[in-house]
Amino acid sequence: MSVRRLRAAALLLAVAPFAVPAVPALAHGAPITPISRSAACAGNGIKTSAAACKAAKVATNGFIGAFDNLRIANVNGKDRDVVPDGKLCSGGLDNYKGLDLARDDFPSTAVKSGQKLPIQYEGTIPHKGQFRIFLTRPGYSPLKKLTWDDLGSKPIGTFTDPPLTGGSYRMSVTLPERTGRQMLYVVWETSSTPDTYYSCSDLVFPAAVKASSAPAVTKKAAPVPTTTVATTSPAPEATVAATTAAVSADPVLAAANSPAEEQPNTVGHWLIGGALAAGLVALAIGFLTRRRRSGL
């Protein structure tokens, strides 16, 4: 082989490692149920027209990475040291920083306390690894960026090497008591690759029921018992009979208490009687006077 050919072969061997494209990790994935922010808003997301997704795209300089590629290599379980507060939904990656926006209108899933929530984590091919699932604590506000303290210290579910069925890893967790908007945070630390994946899924619990003040109860006063006092008044019939007898015995009272239409007749009777009596007296006086004169 000539010297020229040896030099050409050496050059090809020198540049070959840079000419071969890097092989991407095959353990890609993200939750599609409940829908994650990356599955909804990423460049190949399914709800990119949502207002929050549009805002996330603007915040990420017009581009959001693929929904299943939000991963960091060589974390080795030190999530809290590697992913800073306020950047949990993006994993601290610039291509996903719009997912960290503090908004309450990202595409979400309605749930209830005590519900057994199914989780469908879409993956490309089977890989070994562990899923750690967290839920924000009571008092969490979606209008503030998510922090590790919001998630508490323990996951509500941990699953190692779940089977891949129908293209997705399937798990379920029982949701504790919560109200309002909360965040389900999923960490997938693969053991067959050096990568760890992060995702945020917005959940909406029923709003807290405000305690209403009980209406005032008005107690009615007990009725006061009435005492019936017995009287010795005569019976009405006896009183009327006695009064009638008294009036009949007294002509003046009888006249005063007689009906008005009868009073003129009664007075006339008294006048006639008086005139007759006066006439009789006059006749008697005249008769006596004449006898005396005859005797003289």
C-alpha atoms as a PDB file:
ATOM      1  CA  MET A   1       0.000   0.000   0.000  1.00  0.00           C
ATOM      2  CA  SER A   2       1.392   3.408  -0.940  1.00  0.00           C
ATOM      3  CA  VAL A   3       2.099   6.083   1.616  1.00  0.00           C
ATOM      4  CA  ARG A   4      -0.706   8.200   0.116  1.00  0.00           C
ATOM      5  CA  ARG A   5      -3.267   5.443   0.649  1.00  0.00           C
ATOM      6  CA  LEU A   6      -2.106   4.855   4.209  1.00  0.00           C
ATOM      7  CA  ARG A   7      -2.563   8.527   4.992  1.00  0.00           C
ATOM      8  CA  ALA A   8      -6.080   8.511   3.514  1.00  0.00           C
ATOM      9  CA  ALA A   9      -7.072   5.460   5.528  1.00  0.00           C
ATOM     10  CA  ALA A  10      -5.720   7.032   8.708  1.00  0.00           C
ATOM     11  CA  LEU A  11      -7.701  10.200   8.016  1.00  0.00           C
ATOM     12  CA  LEU A  12     -10.908   8.223   7.564  1.00  0.00           C
ATOM     13  CA  LEU A  13     -10.357   6.431  10.839  1.00  0.00           C
ATOM     14  CA  ALA A  14      -9.741   9.757  12.570  1.00  0.00           C
ATOM     15  CA  VAL A  15     -12.952  11.429  11.381  1.00  0.00           C
ATOM     16  CA  ALA A  16     -15.197   8.356  11.488  1.00  0.00           C
ATOM     17  CA  PRO A  17     -16.309   8.791  15.135  1.00  0.00           C
ATOM     18  CA  PHE A  18     -17.548  12.295  14.348  1.00  0.00           C
ATOM     19  CA  ALA A  19     -19.308  11.299  11.154  1.00  0.00           C
ATOM     20  CA  VAL A  20     -21.463   8.602  12.779  1.00  0.00           C
ATOM     21  CA  PRO A  21     -24.636  10.191  14.287  1.00  0.00           C
ATOM     22  CA  ALA A  22     -25.295   9.650  17.987  1.00  0.00           C
ATOM     23  CA  VAL A  23     -27.856   6.922  18.674  1.00  0.00           C
ATOM     24  CA  PRO A  24     -30.663   8.341  20.818  1.00  0.00           C
ATOM     25  CA  ALA A  25     -31.725   6.508  23.938  1.00  0.00           C
ATOM     26  CA  LEU A  26     -34.700   4.287  23.274  1.00  0.00           C
ATOM     27  CA  ALA A  27     -36.337   4.706  26.693  1.00  0.00           C
ATOM     28  CA  HIS A  28     -38.490   7.691  25.772  1.00  0.00           C
ATOM     29  CA  GLY A  29     -41.869   8.365  27.324  1.00  0.00           C
ATOM     30  CA  ALA A  30     -44.331  10.626  29.126  1.00  0.00           C
ATOM     31  CA  PRO A  31     -47.736  10.308  30.813  1.00  0.00           C
ATOM     32  CA  ILE A  32     -50.698  10.625  28.502  1.00  0.00           C
ATOM     33  CA  THR A  33     -53.231   9.715  31.236  1.00  0.00           C
ATOM     34  CA  PRO A  34     -53.574  11.873  33.207  1.00  0.00           C
ATOM     35  CA  ILE A  35     -52.301  14.095  30.437  1.00  0.00           C
ATOM     36  CA  SER A  36     -48.928  15.693  31.145  1.00  0.00           C
ATOM     37  CA  ARG A  37     -47.929  19.204  30.143  1.00  0.00           C
ATOM     38  CA  SER A  38     -45.387  17.833  27.700  1.00  0.00           C
ATOM     39  CA  ALA A  39     -47.907  15.455  26.082  1.00  0.00           C
ATOM     40  CA  ALA A  40     -50.357  18.354  25.738  1.00  0.00           C
ATOM     41  CA  CYS A  41     -48.086  21.241  24.746  1.00  0.00           C
ATOM     42  CA  ALA A  42     -44.880  19.870  23.166  1.00  0.00           C
ATOM     43  CA  GLY A  43     -44.183  20.187  19.466  1.00  0.00           C
ATOM     44  CA  ASN A  44     -45.987  16.889  18.886  1.00  0.00           C
ATOM     45  CA  GLY A  45     -48.460  17.380  21.736  1.00  0.00           C
ATOM     46  CA  ILE A  46     -52.199  16.833  21.381  1.00  0.00           C
ATOM     47  CA  LYS A  47     -53.537  20.110  22.853  1.00  0.00           C
ATOM     48  CA  THR A  48     -51.111  22.699  21.536  1.00  0.00           C
ATOM     49  CA  SER A  49     -53.963  25.130  20.815  1.00  0.00           C
ATOM     50  CA  ALA A  50     -54.722  25.586  24.533  1.00  0.00           C
ATOM     51  CA  ALA A  51     -53.971  29.100  25.801  1.00  0.00           C
ATOM     52  CA  ALA A  52     -51.449  27.824  28.350  1.00  0.00           C
ATOM     53  CA  CYS A  53     -49.696  25.745  25.694  1.00  0.00           C
ATOM     54  CA  LYS A  54     -49.425  28.761  23.402  1.00  0.00           C
ATOM     55  CA  ALA A  55     -47.947  30.776  26.255  1.00  0.00           C
ATOM     56  CA  ALA A  56     -45.530  27.932  27.035  1.00  0.00           C
ATOM     57  CA  LYS A  57     -44.379  27.903  23.414  1.00  0.00           C
ATOM     58  CA  VAL A  58     -43.749  31.644  23.470  1.00  0.00           C
ATOM     59  CA  ALA A  59     -41.793  31.304  26.731  1.00  0.00           C
ATOM     60  CA  THR A  60     -39.648  28.589  25.097  1.00  0.00           C
ATOM     61  CA  ASN A  61     -38.686  30.889  22.205  1.00  0.00           C
ATOM     62  CA  GLY A  62     -41.298  29.384  19.884  1.00  0.00           C
ATOM     63  CA  PHE A  63     -40.227  25.767  20.242  1.00  0.00           C
ATOM     64  CA  ILE A  64     -40.926  23.009  22.769  1.00  0.00           C
ATOM     65  CA  GLY A  65     -39.048  19.714  22.561  1.00  0.00           C
ATOM     66  CA  ALA A  66     -40.644  16.360  21.781  1.00  0.00           C
ATOM     67  CA  PHE A  67     -43.207  15.264  24.365  1.00  0.00           C
ATOM     68  CA  ASP A  68     -41.343  12.032  25.227  1.00  0.00           C
ATOM     69  CA  ASN A  69     -37.796  13.363  25.413  1.00  0.00           C
ATOM     70  CA  LEU A  70     -37.788  15.391  28.648  1.00  0.00           C
ATOM     71  CA  ARG A  71     -34.862  13.549  30.238  1.00  0.00           C
ATOM     72  CA  ILE A  72     -31.608  14.155  32.071  1.00  0.00           C
ATOM     73  CA  ALA A  73     -28.682  11.744  32.108  1.00  0.00           C
ATOM     74  CA  ASN A  74     -26.722  10.545  35.108  1.00  0.00           C
ATOM     75  CA  VAL A  75     -29.008  11.870  37.834  1.00  0.00           C
ATOM     76  CA  ASN A  76     -28.644   8.649  39.808  1.00  0.00           C
ATOM     77  CA  GLY A  77     -31.591   9.361  42.134  1.00  0.00           C
ATOM     78  CA  LYS A  78     -30.370  12.838  43.127  1.00  0.00           C
ATOM     79  CA  ASP A  79     -33.429  14.547  41.652  1.00  0.00           C
ATOM     80  CA  ARG A  80     -33.617  17.339  44.226  1.00  0.00           C
ATOM     81  CA  ASP A  81     -29.994  18.230  43.707  1.00  0.00           C
ATOM     82  CA  VAL A  82     -30.117  18.207  39.918  1.00  0.00           C
ATOM     83  CA  VAL A  83     -33.545  19.724  39.183  1.00  0.00           C
ATOM     84  CA  PRO A  84     -33.936  23.180  40.769  1.00  0.00           C
ATOM     85  CA  ASP A  85     -37.122  24.492  42.422  1.00  0.00           C
ATOM     86  CA  GLY A  86     -39.397  26.265  40.002  1.00  0.00           C
ATOM     87  CA  LYS A  87     -38.120  24.117  37.108  1.00  0.00           C
ATOM     88  CA  LEU A  88     -39.544  20.721  37.989  1.00  0.00           C
ATOM     89  CA  CYS A  89     -41.883  20.528  34.984  1.00  0.00           C
ATOM     90  CA  SER A  90     -39.054  21.282  32.552  1.00  0.00           C
ATOM     91  CA  GLY A  91     -36.371  19.332  34.390  1.00  0.00           C
ATOM     92  CA  GLY A  92     -34.357  22.515  34.080  1.00  0.00           C
ATOM     93  CA  LEU A  93     -34.059  22.022  30.302  1.00  0.00           C
ATOM     94  CA  ASP A  94     -34.335  25.141  28.140  1.00  0.00           C
ATOM     95  CA  ASN A  95     -36.340  23.360  25.431  1.00  0.00           C
ATOM     96  CA  TYR A  96     -39.154  22.801  27.961  1.00  0.00           C
ATOM     97  CA  LYS A  97     -38.963  25.843  30.215  1.00  0.00           C
ATOM     98  CA  GLY A  98     -42.391  27.060  29.083  1.00  0.00           C
ATOM     99  CA  LEU A  99     -43.910  24.099  30.956  1.00  0.00           C
ATOM    100  CA  ASP A 100     -42.835  25.726  34.235  1.00  0.00           C
ATOM    101  CA  LEU A 101     -45.245  28.657  33.822  1.00  0.00           C
ATOM    102  CA  ALA A 102     -47.348  29.284  36.929  1.00  0.00           C
ATOM    103  CA  ARG A 103     -50.832  29.067  35.398  1.00  0.00           C
ATOM    104  CA  ASP A 104     -54.117  27.399  36.297  1.00  0.00           C
ATOM    105  CA  ASP A 105     -55.314  26.731  32.740  1.00  0.00           C
ATOM    106  CA  PHE A 106     -52.992  24.003  31.478  1.00  0.00           C
ATOM    107  CA  PRO A 107     -54.913  20.996  30.072  1.00  0.00           C
ATOM    108  CA  SER A 108     -55.978  18.953  33.101  1.00  0.00           C
ATOM    109  CA  THR A 109     -57.770  15.844  34.329  1.00  0.00           C
ATOM    110  CA  ALA A 110     -60.781  15.902  36.684  1.00  0.00           C
ATOM    111  CA  VAL A 111     -60.373  13.553  39.663  1.00  0.00           C
ATOM    112  CA  LYS A 112     -61.789  12.917  43.154  1.00  0.00           C
ATOM    113  CA  SER A 113     -60.294  12.197  46.554  1.00  0.00           C
ATOM    114  CA  GLY A 114     -60.110   8.475  47.270  1.00  0.00           C
ATOM    115  CA  GLN A 115     -60.224   7.651  43.571  1.00  0.00           C
ATOM    116  CA  LYS A 116     -57.953   4.937  42.193  1.00  0.00           C
ATOM    117  CA  LEU A 117     -56.326   6.931  39.420  1.00  0.00           C
ATOM    118  CA  PRO A 118     -55.070   4.951  36.396  1.00  0.00           C
ATOM    119  CA  ILE A 119     -51.746   6.139  34.997  1.00  0.00           C
ATOM    120  CA  GLN A 120     -50.824   5.433  31.379  1.00  0.00           C
ATOM    121  CA  TYR A 121     -47.202   6.312  30.724  1.00  0.00           C
ATOM    122  CA  GLU A 122     -46.490   6.012  27.003  1.00  0.00           C
ATOM    123  CA  GLY A 123     -43.120   4.473  26.139  1.00  0.00           C
ATOM    124  CA  THR A 124     -41.336   3.417  22.958  1.00  0.00           C
ATOM    125  CA  ILE A 125     -39.847   0.051  23.941  1.00  0.00           C
ATOM    126  CA  PRO A 126     -39.606  -1.833  27.237  1.00  0.00           C
ATOM    127  CA  HIS A 127     -36.888  -0.703  29.629  1.00  0.00           C
ATOM    128  CA  LYS A 128     -36.157  -1.491  33.198  1.00  0.00           C
ATOM    129  CA  GLY A 129     -36.634   1.261  35.728  1.00  0.00           C
ATOM    130  CA  GLN A 130     -38.581   2.726  38.615  1.00  0.00           C
ATOM    131  CA  PHE A 131     -41.507   5.150  38.595  1.00  0.00           C
ATOM    132  CA  ARG A 132     -41.941   7.473  41.589  1.00  0.00           C
ATOM    133  CA  ILE A 133     -45.271   9.317  41.683  1.00  0.00           C
ATOM    134  CA  PHE A 134     -45.812  12.411  43.827  1.00  0.00           C
ATOM    135  CA  LEU A 135     -48.858  14.592  44.512  1.00  0.00           C
ATOM    136  CA  THR A 136     -48.756  18.176  45.704  1.00  0.00           C
ATOM    137  CA  ARG A 137     -49.641  18.797  49.319  1.00  0.00           C
ATOM    138  CA  PRO A 138     -52.738  20.671  50.591  1.00  0.00           C
ATOM    139  CA  GLY A 139     -52.285  24.393  50.140  1.00  0.00           C
ATOM    140  CA  TYR A 140     -50.494  24.099  46.803  1.00  0.00           C
ATOM    141  CA  SER A 141     -51.185  26.999  44.434  1.00  0.00           C
ATOM    142  CA  PRO A 142     -50.863  26.571  40.648  1.00  0.00           C
ATOM    143  CA  LEU A 143     -50.164  30.302  40.464  1.00  0.00           C
ATOM    144  CA  LYS A 144     -46.720  29.655  41.954  1.00  0.00           C
ATOM    145  CA  LYS A 145     -44.004  27.619  40.295  1.00  0.00           C
ATOM    146  CA  LEU A 146     -43.721  24.057  41.536  1.00  0.00           C
ATOM    147  CA  THR A 147     -41.076  23.277  44.165  1.00  0.00           C
ATOM    148  CA  TRP A 148     -39.883  20.082  45.821  1.00  0.00           C
ATOM    149  CA  ASP A 149     -41.431  21.212  49.101  1.00  0.00           C
ATOM    150  CA  ASP A 150     -44.833  21.292  47.364  1.00  0.00           C
ATOM    151  CA  LEU A 151     -44.489  17.542  46.767  1.00  0.00           C
ATOM    152  CA  GLY A 152     -43.535  16.482  50.270  1.00  0.00           C
ATOM    153  CA  SER A 153     -40.879  13.900  51.032  1.00  0.00           C
ATOM    154  CA  LYS A 154     -42.619  10.668  50.031  1.00  0.00           C
ATOM    155  CA  PRO A 155     -44.269   9.537  46.781  1.00  0.00           C
ATOM    156  CA  ILE A 156     -47.855   8.283  46.881  1.00  0.00           C
ATOM    157  CA  GLY A 157     -46.823   5.383  44.654  1.00  0.00           C
ATOM    158  CA  THR A 158     -43.633   3.571  43.575  1.00  0.00           C
ATOM    159  CA  PHE A 159     -43.496   1.008  40.769  1.00  0.00           C
ATOM    160  CA  THR A 160     -40.447  -0.924  39.610  1.00  0.00           C
ATOM    161  CA  ASP A 161     -40.341  -2.533  36.162  1.00  0.00           C
ATOM    162  CA  PRO A 162     -44.080  -2.407  35.381  1.00  0.00           C
ATOM    163  CA  PRO A 163     -45.007  -4.269  32.179  1.00  0.00           C
ATOM    164  CA  LEU A 164     -45.468  -2.391  28.921  1.00  0.00           C
ATOM    165  CA  THR A 165     -48.997  -3.060  27.611  1.00  0.00           C
ATOM    166  CA  GLY A 166     -50.289  -1.577  24.392  1.00  0.00           C
ATOM    167  CA  GLY A 167     -47.316   0.736  24.144  1.00  0.00           C
ATOM    168  CA  SER A 168     -47.739   2.148  27.667  1.00  0.00           C
ATOM    169  CA  TYR A 169     -46.629   1.411  31.202  1.00  0.00           C
ATOM    170  CA  ARG A 170     -49.802   1.102  33.272  1.00  0.00           C
ATOM    171  CA  MET A 171     -50.076   1.787  36.995  1.00  0.00           C
ATOM    172  CA  SER A 172     -52.613   3.202  39.434  1.00  0.00           C
ATOM    173  CA  VAL A 173     -52.498   5.175  42.673  1.00  0.00           C
ATOM    174  CA  THR A 174     -55.165   5.996  45.256  1.00  0.00           C
ATOM    175  CA  LEU A 175     -55.538   9.758  45.557  1.00  0.00           C
ATOM    176  CA  PRO A 176     -55.533  11.207  49.076  1.00  0.00           C
ATOM    177  CA  GLU A 177     -57.852  13.976  50.239  1.00  0.00           C
ATOM    178  CA  ARG A 178     -57.321  17.142  48.219  1.00  0.00           C
ATOM    179  CA  THR A 179     -59.341  20.051  46.871  1.00  0.00           C
ATOM    180  CA  GLY A 180     -58.941  22.317  43.877  1.00  0.00           C
ATOM    181  CA  ARG A 181     -56.084  22.218  41.413  1.00  0.00           C
ATOM    182  CA  GLN A 182     -53.129  19.938  42.207  1.00  0.00           C
ATOM    183  CA  MET A 183     -50.091  18.506  40.396  1.00  0.00           C
ATOM    184  CA  LEU A 184     -49.174  14.877  39.816  1.00  0.00           C
ATOM    185  CA  TYR A 185     -45.399  14.655  39.380  1.00  0.00           C
ATOM    186  CA  VAL A 186     -43.856  11.530  37.859  1.00  0.00           C
ATOM    187  CA  VAL A 187     -40.168  10.636  37.973  1.00  0.00           C
ATOM    188  CA  TRP A 188     -39.029   7.716  35.827  1.00  0.00           C
ATOM    189  CA  GLU A 189     -35.504   6.634  36.613  1.00  0.00           C
ATOM    190  CA  THR A 190     -34.459   4.019  34.081  1.00  0.00           C
ATOM    191  CA  SER A 191     -31.968   1.342  35.071  1.00  0.00           C
ATOM    192  CA  SER A 192     -31.166   0.134  31.556  1.00  0.00           C
ATOM    193  CA  THR A 193     -30.135   3.646  30.409  1.00  0.00           C
ATOM    194  CA  PRO A 194     -28.524   6.542  32.322  1.00  0.00           C
ATOM    195  CA  ASP A 195     -31.613   8.730  31.856  1.00  0.00           C
ATOM    196  CA  THR A 196     -34.286  10.008  34.249  1.00  0.00           C
ATOM    197  CA  TYR A 197     -37.538  11.494  32.928  1.00  0.00           C
ATOM    198  CA  TYR A 198     -39.720  14.132  34.592  1.00  0.00           C
ATOM    199  CA  SER A 199     -43.316  15.177  33.958  1.00  0.00           C
ATOM    200  CA  CYS A 200     -46.126  17.306  35.376  1.00  0.00           C
ATOM    201  CA  SER A 201     -49.816  16.365  35.058  1.00  0.00           C
ATOM    202  CA  ASP A 202     -52.418  18.904  36.202  1.00  0.00           C
ATOM    203  CA  LEU A 203     -55.288  17.454  38.256  1.00  0.00           C
ATOM    204  CA  VAL A 204     -58.503  19.170  39.324  1.00  0.00           C
ATOM    205  CA  PHE A 205     -60.278  17.978  42.481  1.00  0.00           C
ATOM    206  CA  PRO A 206     -63.716  19.297  43.491  1.00  0.00           C
ATOM    207  CA  ALA A 207     -63.498  22.684  45.160  1.00  0.00           C
ATOM    208  CA  ALA A 208     -63.662  22.909  48.921  1.00  0.00           C
ATOM    209  CA  VAL A 209     -67.193  23.291  50.290  1.00  0.00           C
ATOM    210  CA  LYS A 210     -67.552  26.472  52.292  1.00  0.00           C
ATOM    211  CA  ALA A 211     -69.140  25.938  55.668  1.00  0.00           C
ATOM    212  CA  SER A 212     -72.380  27.907  55.883  1.00  0.00           C
ATOM    213  CA  SER A 213     -73.513  29.332  59.197  1.00  0.00           C
ATOM    214  CA  ALA A 214     -76.497  27.480  60.593  1.00  0.00           C
ATOM    215  CA  PRO A 215     -79.668  29.579  60.682  1.00  0.00           C
ATOM    216  CA  ALA A 216     -80.584  30.892  64.093  1.00  0.00           C
ATOM    217  CA  VAL A 217     -83.218  28.813  65.808  1.00  0.00           C
ATOM    218  CA  THR A 218     -85.913  30.910  67.461  1.00  0.00           C
ATOM    219  CA  LYS A 219     -87.420  29.184  70.426  1.00  0.00           C
ATOM    220  CA  LYS A 220     -91.077  29.903  70.962  1.00  0.00           C
ATOM    221  CA  ALA A 221     -92.009  30.801  74.515  1.00  0.00           C
ATOM    222  CA  ALA A 222     -94.122  28.217  76.229  1.00  0.00           C
ATOM    223  CA  PRO A 223     -97.748  29.352  76.484  1.00  0.00           C
ATOM    224  CA  VAL A 224     -98.642  30.751  79.881  1.00  0.00           C
ATOM    225  CA  PRO A 225    -101.445  28.682  81.400  1.00  0.00           C
ATOM    226  CA  THR A 226    -104.585  30.712  82.051  1.00  0.00           C
ATOM    227  CA  THR A 227    -106.480  30.312  85.318  1.00  0.00           C
ATOM    228  CA  THR A 228    -110.259  30.452  85.141  1.00  0.00           C
ATOM    229  CA  VAL A 229    -111.692  32.157  88.188  1.00  0.00           C
ATOM    230  CA  ALA A 230    -115.138  30.930  89.098  1.00  0.00           C
ATOM    231  CA  THR A 231    -117.643  33.711  89.774  1.00  0.00           C
ATOM    232  CA  THR A 232    -120.891  33.713  91.700  1.00  0.00           C
ATOM    233  CA  SER A 233    -122.702  35.798  89.154  1.00  0.00           C
ATOM    234  CA  PRO A 234    -126.243  34.610  88.709  1.00  0.00           C
ATOM    235  CA  ALA A 235    -127.128  32.710  85.617  1.00  0.00           C
ATOM    236  CA  PRO A 236    -128.206  34.952  82.752  1.00  0.00           C
ATOM    237  CA  GLU A 237    -131.732  33.597  82.834  1.00  0.00           C
ATOM    238  CA  ALA A 238    -132.127  34.351  86.559  1.00  0.00           C
ATOM    239  CA  THR A 239    -130.717  37.884  86.156  1.00  0.00           C
ATOM    240  CA  VAL A 240    -133.112  38.699  83.335  1.00  0.00           C
ATOM    241  CA  ALA A 241    -136.079  37.330  85.265  1.00  0.00           C
ATOM    242  CA  ALA A 242    -135.237  39.374  88.374  1.00  0.00           C
ATOM    243  CA  THR A 243    -134.739  42.560  86.348  1.00  0.00           C
ATOM    244  CA  THR A 244    -138.060  42.070  84.564  1.00  0.00           C
ATOM    245  CA  ALA A 245    -139.885  41.615  87.877  1.00  0.00           C
ATOM    246  CA  ALA A 246    -138.359  44.807  89.325  1.00  0.00           C
ATOM    247  CA  VAL A 247    -139.293  46.878  86.321  1.00  0.00           C
ATOM    248  CA  SER A 248    -142.867  45.568  86.378  1.00  0.00           C
ATOM    249  CA  ALA A 249    -143.274  46.556  90.030  1.00  0.00           C
ATOM    250  CA  ASP A 250    -142.215  50.174  89.373  1.00  0.00           C
ATOM    251  CA  PRO A 251    -144.474  52.050  86.916  1.00  0.00           C
ATOM    252  CA  VAL A 252    -141.801  54.695  86.195  1.00  0.00           C
ATOM    253  CA  LEU A 253    -139.157  52.084  85.393  1.00  0.00           C
ATOM    254  CA  ALA A 254    -141.657  50.155  83.373  1.00  0.00           C
ATOM    255  CA  ALA A 255    -142.457  53.246  81.376  1.00  0.00           C
ATOM    256  CA  ALA A 256    -138.783  54.154  80.923  1.00  0.00           C
ATOM    257  CA  ASN A 257    -137.834  50.667  79.736  1.00  0.00           C
ATOM    258  CA  SER A 258    -140.845  50.150  77.482  1.00  0.00           C
ATOM    259  CA  PRO A 259    -140.383  50.273  73.731  1.00  0.00           C
ATOM    260  CA  ALA A 260    -140.492  53.782  72.329  1.00  0.00           C
ATOM    261  CA  GLU A 261    -143.594  53.115  70.245  1.00  0.00           C
ATOM    262  CA  GLU A 262    -145.513  52.015  73.334  1.00  0.00           C
ATOM    263  CA  GLN A 263    -144.635  55.049  75.526  1.00  0.00           C
ATOM    264  CA  PRO A 264    -147.219  57.484  74.037  1.00  0.00           C
ATOM    265  CA  ASN A 265    -150.101  55.077  74.775  1.00  0.00           C
ATOM    266  CA  THR A 266    -148.934  54.592  78.352  1.00  0.00           C
ATOM    267  CA  VAL A 267    -148.815  58.393  79.037  1.00  0.00           C
ATOM    268  CA  GLY A 268    -152.230  58.819  77.527  1.00  0.00           C
ATOM    269  CA  HIS A 269    -153.619  56.188  79.854  1.00  0.00           C
ATOM    270  CA  TRP A 270    -152.198  58.043  82.867  1.00  0.00           C
ATOM    271  CA  LEU A 271    -153.715  61.387  81.740  1.00  0.00           C
ATOM    272  CA  ILE A 272    -157.175  59.914  81.200  1.00  0.00           C
ATOM    273  CA  GLY A 273    -157.084  58.173  84.542  1.00  0.00           C
ATOM    274  CA  GLY A 274    -156.075  61.404  86.276  1.00  0.00           C
ATOM    275  CA  ALA A 275    -158.895  63.377  84.665  1.00  0.00           C
ATOM    276  CA  LEU A 276    -161.502  60.825  85.732  1.00  0.00           C
ATOM    277  CA  ALA A 277    -160.251  60.868  89.266  1.00  0.00           C
ATOM    278  CA  ALA A 278    -160.380  64.669  89.402  1.00  0.00           C
ATOM    279  CA  GLY A 279    -163.930  64.620  88.073  1.00  0.00           C
ATOM    280  CA  LEU A 280    -165.030  62.122  90.695  1.00  0.00           C
ATOM    281  CA  VAL A 281    -163.462  64.214  93.441  1.00  0.00           C
ATOM    282  CA  ALA A 282    -165.267  67.328  92.169  1.00  0.00           C
ATOM    283  CA  LEU A 283    -168.595  65.495  92.100  1.00  0.00           C
ATOM    284  CA  ALA A 284    -168.076  64.204  95.612  1.00  0.00           C
ATOM    285  CA  ILE A 285    -167.256  67.686  96.915  1.00  0.00           C
ATOM    286  CA  GLY A 286    -170.374  69.159  95.220  1.00  0.00           C
ATOM    287  CA  PHE A 287    -172.609  66.425  96.642  1.00  0.00           C
ATOM    288  CA  LEU A 288    -171.316  66.992 100.161  1.00  0.00           C
ATOM    289  CA  THR A 289    -171.777  70.750  99.859  1.00  0.00           C
ATOM    290  CA  ARG A 290    -175.375  70.448  98.856  1.00  0.00           C
ATOM    291  CA  ARG A 291    -176.208  68.110 101.766  1.00  0.00           C
ATOM    292  CA  ARG A 292    -174.733  70.515 104.211  1.00  0.00           C
ATOM    293  CA  ARG A 293    -176.757  73.354 102.879  1.00  0.00           C
ATOM    294  CA  SER A 294    -179.967  71.298 102.972  1.00  0.00           C
ATOM    295  CA  GLY A 295    -179.395  70.400 106.581  1.00  0.00           C
ATOM    296  CA  LEU A 296    -179.003  73.995 107.596  1.00  0.00           C
END
